[in-house]
C-alpha atoms as a PDB file:
ATOM      1  CA  UNK A   1      70.158 -27.492   2.597  1.00  0.00           C
ATOM      2  CA  UNK A   2      68.776 -24.125   1.609  1.00  0.00           C
ATOM      3  CA  UNK A   3      66.458 -22.304   3.924  1.00  0.00           C
ATOM      4  CA  UNK A   4      63.588 -20.361   2.366  1.00  0.00           C
ATOM      5  CA  UNK A   5      62.848 -16.985   3.847  1.00  0.00           C
ATOM      6  CA  UNK A   6      59.103 -16.720   4.575  1.00  0.00           C
ATOM      7  CA  UNK A   7      57.536 -13.317   4.808  1.00  0.00           C
ATOM      8  CA  UNK A   8      54.582 -12.879   7.125  1.00  0.00           C
ATOM      9  CA  UNK A   9      53.281  -9.627   5.589  1.00  0.00           C
ATOM     10  CA  UNK A  10      50.320  -8.990   3.290  1.00  0.00           C
ATOM     11  CA  UNK A  11      50.659  -8.859  -0.447  1.00  0.00           C
ATOM     12  CA  UNK A  12      49.147  -6.031  -2.456  1.00  0.00           C
ATOM     13  CA  UNK A  13      46.512  -8.392  -3.872  1.00  0.00           C
ATOM     14  CA  UNK A  14      45.426  -9.516  -0.401  1.00  0.00           C
ATOM     15  CA  UNK A  15      45.215  -5.903   0.723  1.00  0.00           C
ATOM     16  CA  UNK A  16      43.102  -4.966  -2.319  1.00  0.00           C
ATOM     17  CA  UNK A  17      40.739  -7.883  -1.688  1.00  0.00           C
ATOM     18  CA  UNK A  18      40.234  -6.803   1.936  1.00  0.00           C
ATOM     19  CA  UNK A  19      39.592  -3.186   0.876  1.00  0.00           C
ATOM     20  CA  UNK A  20      37.115  -4.369  -1.783  1.00  0.00           C
ATOM     21  CA  UNK A  21      35.221  -6.523   0.735  1.00  0.00           C
ATOM     22  CA  UNK A  22      35.016  -3.714   3.292  1.00  0.00           C
ATOM     23  CA  UNK A  23      33.855  -1.256   0.612  1.00  0.00           C
ATOM     24  CA  UNK A  24      31.154  -3.671  -0.572  1.00  0.00           C
ATOM     25  CA  UNK A  25      29.873  -4.117   2.970  1.00  0.00           C
ATOM     26  CA  UNK A  26      29.805  -0.347   3.432  1.00  0.00           C
ATOM     27  CA  UNK A  27      27.769   0.228   0.265  1.00  0.00           C
ATOM     28  CA  UNK A  28      25.290  -2.504   1.197  1.00  0.00           C
ATOM     29  CA  UNK A  29      24.945  -1.126   4.733  1.00  0.00           C
ATOM     30  CA  UNK A  30      24.172   2.396   3.497  1.00  0.00           C
ATOM     31  CA  UNK A  31      21.568   1.034   1.079  1.00  0.00           C
ATOM     32  CA  UNK A  32      19.939  -1.077   3.790  1.00  0.00           C
ATOM     33  CA  UNK A  33      19.941   1.815   6.260  1.00  0.00           C
ATOM     34  CA  UNK A  34      18.284   4.210   3.777  1.00  0.00           C
ATOM     35  CA  UNK A  35      15.573   1.624   3.053  1.00  0.00           C
ATOM     36  CA  UNK A  36      15.078   1.076   6.791  1.00  0.00           C
ATOM     37  CA  UNK A  37      14.668   4.821   7.424  1.00  0.00           C
ATOM     38  CA  UNK A  38      12.014   5.131   4.712  1.00  0.00           C
ATOM     39  CA  UNK A  39      10.119   2.061   5.917  1.00  0.00           C
ATOM     40  CA  UNK A  40      10.247   3.377   9.472  1.00  0.00           C
ATOM     41  CA  UNK A  41       8.961   6.805   8.344  1.00  0.00           C
ATOM     42  CA  UNK A  42       6.013   5.174   6.535  1.00  0.00           C
ATOM     43  CA  UNK A  43       5.171   3.028   9.576  1.00  0.00           C
ATOM     44  CA  UNK A  44       5.425   5.958  12.002  1.00  0.00           C
ATOM     45  CA  UNK A  45       3.308   8.248   9.815  1.00  0.00           C
ATOM     46  CA  UNK A  46       0.662   5.536   9.436  1.00  0.00           C
ATOM     47  CA  UNK A  47       0.506   4.966  13.191  1.00  0.00           C
ATOM     48  CA  UNK A  48       0.357   8.699  13.944  1.00  0.00           C
ATOM     49  CA  UNK A  49      -2.404   9.208  11.368  1.00  0.00           C
ATOM     50  CA  UNK A  50      -4.511   6.353  12.766  1.00  0.00           C
ATOM     51  CA  UNK A  51      -4.056   7.647  16.312  1.00  0.00           C
ATOM     52  CA  UNK A  52      -4.988  11.210  15.290  1.00  0.00           C
ATOM     53  CA  UNK A  53      -8.131  10.057  13.473  1.00  0.00           C
ATOM     54  CA  UNK A  54      -9.255   7.926  16.413  1.00  0.00           C
ATOM     55  CA  UNK A  55      -8.489  10.712  18.873  1.00  0.00           C
ATOM     56  CA  UNK A  56     -10.475  13.243  16.787  1.00  0.00           C
ATOM     57  CA  UNK A  57     -13.435  10.878  16.735  1.00  0.00           C
ATOM     58  CA  UNK A  58     -13.278  10.262  20.495  1.00  0.00           C
ATOM     59  CA  UNK A  59     -12.943  13.992  21.196  1.00  0.00           C
ATOM     60  CA  UNK A  60     -16.014  14.680  19.031  1.00  0.00           C
ATOM     61  CA  UNK A  61     -18.085  11.909  20.586  1.00  0.00           C
ATOM     62  CA  UNK A  62     -17.276  12.991  24.133  1.00  0.00           C
ATOM     63  CA  UNK A  63     -17.894  16.659  23.343  1.00  0.00           C
ATOM     64  CA  UNK A  64     -14.418  17.809  24.276  1.00  0.00           C
ATOM     65  CA  UNK A  65     -14.340  21.624  24.197  1.00  0.00           C
ATOM     66  CA  UNK A  66     -17.994  21.404  23.150  1.00  0.00           C
ATOM     67  CA  UNK A  67     -17.201  20.959  19.465  1.00  0.00           C
ATOM     68  CA  UNK A  68     -16.382  18.735  16.517  1.00  0.00           C
ATOM     69  CA  UNK A  69     -12.814  17.638  15.860  1.00  0.00           C
ATOM     70  CA  UNK A  70     -10.991  16.876  12.643  1.00  0.00           C
ATOM     71  CA  UNK A  71      -7.684  15.905  11.077  1.00  0.00           C
ATOM     72  CA  UNK A  72      -5.941  17.678   8.199  1.00  0.00           C
ATOM     73  CA  UNK A  73      -2.711  17.311   6.236  1.00  0.00           C
ATOM     74  CA  UNK A  74      -0.710  20.342   5.111  1.00  0.00           C
ATOM     75  CA  UNK A  75       2.125  20.205   2.612  1.00  0.00           C
ATOM     76  CA  UNK A  76       3.995  23.305   3.721  1.00  0.00           C
ATOM     77  CA  UNK A  77       5.038  22.525   6.364  1.00  0.00           C
ATOM     78  CA  UNK A  78       4.432  18.790   6.030  1.00  0.00           C
ATOM     79  CA  UNK A  79       2.227  18.174   9.058  1.00  0.00           C
ATOM     80  CA  UNK A  80      -0.804  16.181  10.127  1.00  0.00           C
ATOM     81  CA  UNK A  81      -2.915  18.205  12.537  1.00  0.00           C
ATOM     82  CA  UNK A  82      -5.684  17.205  14.925  1.00  0.00           C
ATOM     83  CA  UNK A  83      -7.855  20.293  15.391  1.00  0.00           C
ATOM     84  CA  UNK A  84     -11.001  21.613  17.031  1.00  0.00           C
ATOM     85  CA  UNK A  85     -13.303  22.945  14.294  1.00  0.00           C
ATOM     86  CA  UNK A  86     -13.424  26.734  14.524  1.00  0.00           C
ATOM     87  CA  UNK A  87     -10.411  27.130  16.818  1.00  0.00           C
ATOM     88  CA  UNK A  88      -6.661  26.737  16.552  1.00  0.00           C
ATOM     89  CA  UNK A  89      -6.089  26.909  20.313  1.00  0.00           C
ATOM     90  CA  UNK A  90      -6.166  23.137  20.792  1.00  0.00           C
ATOM     91  CA  UNK A  91      -4.289  21.945  17.680  1.00  0.00           C
ATOM     92  CA  UNK A  92      -2.065  18.892  18.054  1.00  0.00           C
ATOM     93  CA  UNK A  93       0.243  18.272  15.126  1.00  0.00           C
ATOM     94  CA  UNK A  94       3.249  16.220  14.122  1.00  0.00           C
ATOM     95  CA  UNK A  95       5.695  16.481  11.259  1.00  0.00           C
ATOM     96  CA  UNK A  96       5.674  14.118   8.314  1.00  0.00           C
ATOM     97  CA  UNK A  97       8.986  12.910   6.885  1.00  0.00           C
ATOM     98  CA  UNK A  98       9.976  14.149   3.446  1.00  0.00           C
ATOM     99  CA  UNK A  99      10.714  10.480   2.608  1.00  0.00           C
ATOM    100  CA  UNK A 100       6.982   9.764   2.497  1.00  0.00           C
ATOM    101  CA  UNK A 101       4.083  10.828   0.325  1.00  0.00           C
ATOM    102  CA  UNK A 102       0.464  10.988   1.439  1.00  0.00           C
ATOM    103  CA  UNK A 103      -2.276  10.504  -1.155  1.00  0.00           C
ATOM    104  CA  UNK A 104      -6.081  10.864  -1.076  1.00  0.00           C
ATOM    105  CA  UNK A 105      -6.023  12.865   2.157  1.00  0.00           C
ATOM    106  CA  UNK A 106      -8.834  15.355   2.599  1.00  0.00           C
ATOM    107  CA  UNK A 107      -9.793  17.129   5.799  1.00  0.00           C
ATOM    108  CA  UNK A 108     -11.875  14.741   7.863  1.00  0.00           C
ATOM    109  CA  UNK A 109     -14.120  16.053  10.621  1.00  0.00           C
ATOM    110  CA  UNK A 110     -16.164  13.929  12.985  1.00  0.00           C
ATOM    111  CA  UNK A 111     -19.699  14.898  14.015  1.00  0.00           C
ATOM    112  CA  UNK A 112     -20.224  15.868  17.609  1.00  0.00           C
ATOM    113  CA  UNK A 113     -21.779  13.054  19.704  1.00  0.00           C
ATOM    114  CA  UNK A 114     -22.164  10.508  16.841  1.00  0.00           C
ATOM    115  CA  UNK A 115     -18.558  10.530  15.611  1.00  0.00           C
ATOM    116  CA  UNK A 116     -19.678  10.088  11.991  1.00  0.00           C
ATOM    117  CA  UNK A 117     -16.931  11.285   9.601  1.00  0.00           C
ATOM    118  CA  UNK A 118     -17.447  13.986   6.982  1.00  0.00           C
ATOM    119  CA  UNK A 119     -15.875  11.707   4.344  1.00  0.00           C
ATOM    120  CA  UNK A 120     -14.756   8.090   3.991  1.00  0.00           C
ATOM    121  CA  UNK A 121     -11.359   8.152   2.304  1.00  0.00           C
ATOM    122  CA  UNK A 122      -8.684   5.524   1.927  1.00  0.00           C
ATOM    123  CA  UNK A 123      -5.426   7.364   2.567  1.00  0.00           C
ATOM    124  CA  UNK A 124      -2.161   5.959   1.219  1.00  0.00           C
ATOM    125  CA  UNK A 125       1.206   6.633   2.837  1.00  0.00           C
ATOM    126  CA  UNK A 126       4.108   5.596   0.625  1.00  0.00           C
ATOM    127  CA  UNK A 127       7.877   5.711   0.490  1.00  0.00           C
ATOM    128  CA  UNK A 128      10.073   3.927  -2.058  1.00  0.00           C
ATOM    129  CA  UNK A 129       8.605   0.418  -2.467  1.00  0.00           C
ATOM    130  CA  UNK A 130       6.711   0.477   0.826  1.00  0.00           C
ATOM    131  CA  UNK A 131       3.134   1.680   1.222  1.00  0.00           C
ATOM    132  CA  UNK A 132       0.382   1.479   3.810  1.00  0.00           C
ATOM    133  CA  UNK A 133      -3.283   2.431   3.555  1.00  0.00           C
ATOM    134  CA  UNK A 134      -5.601   3.817   6.198  1.00  0.00           C
ATOM    135  CA  UNK A 135      -9.348   3.577   5.595  1.00  0.00           C
ATOM    136  CA  UNK A 136     -12.122   5.483   7.330  1.00  0.00           C
ATOM    137  CA  UNK A 137     -15.539   3.946   6.667  1.00  0.00           C
ATOM    138  CA  UNK A 138     -18.890   5.749   6.715  1.00  0.00           C
ATOM    139  CA  UNK A 139     -19.445   4.828  10.376  1.00  0.00           C
ATOM    140  CA  UNK A 140     -16.072   6.234  11.411  1.00  0.00           C
ATOM    141  CA  UNK A 141     -14.160   2.987  11.868  1.00  0.00           C
ATOM    142  CA  UNK A 142     -10.465   3.672  11.220  1.00  0.00           C
ATOM    143  CA  UNK A 143      -8.376   0.732  10.037  1.00  0.00           C
ATOM    144  CA  UNK A 144      -5.045  -0.050   8.435  1.00  0.00           C
ATOM    145  CA  UNK A 145      -5.810  -2.006   5.269  1.00  0.00           C
ATOM    146  CA  UNK A 146      -2.340  -3.385   4.457  1.00  0.00           C
END
């Protein structure tokens, strides 16, 4: 009777298949992570914008620093700023990710006491295939529309 010698090692083909599977998982993970970062940047910017608009309106209605407050977007540097009209001493700003674009944003100021906005835009924040819209109506109600 002849005894066959069994080898317990990996063949080159098995090794190549394992490397191919690990590489595929790596590529898919990087793609998913990049999409996640962009979606997260859009969500964070939308939330920060809504909070800044509401805060500007509340500050104006309560007469904080005895003035009107507004929100503006600057492209260089990319920032959204809550500001007291006529003063830069009380500015509150946050950076906007370069992964996002902001469209239809004009300076919005809220009238002292009434909180009525100077304009009623629908602002779109987008990144890749993800977008959110923030609307300010003529009475100053700020809402996320999608």
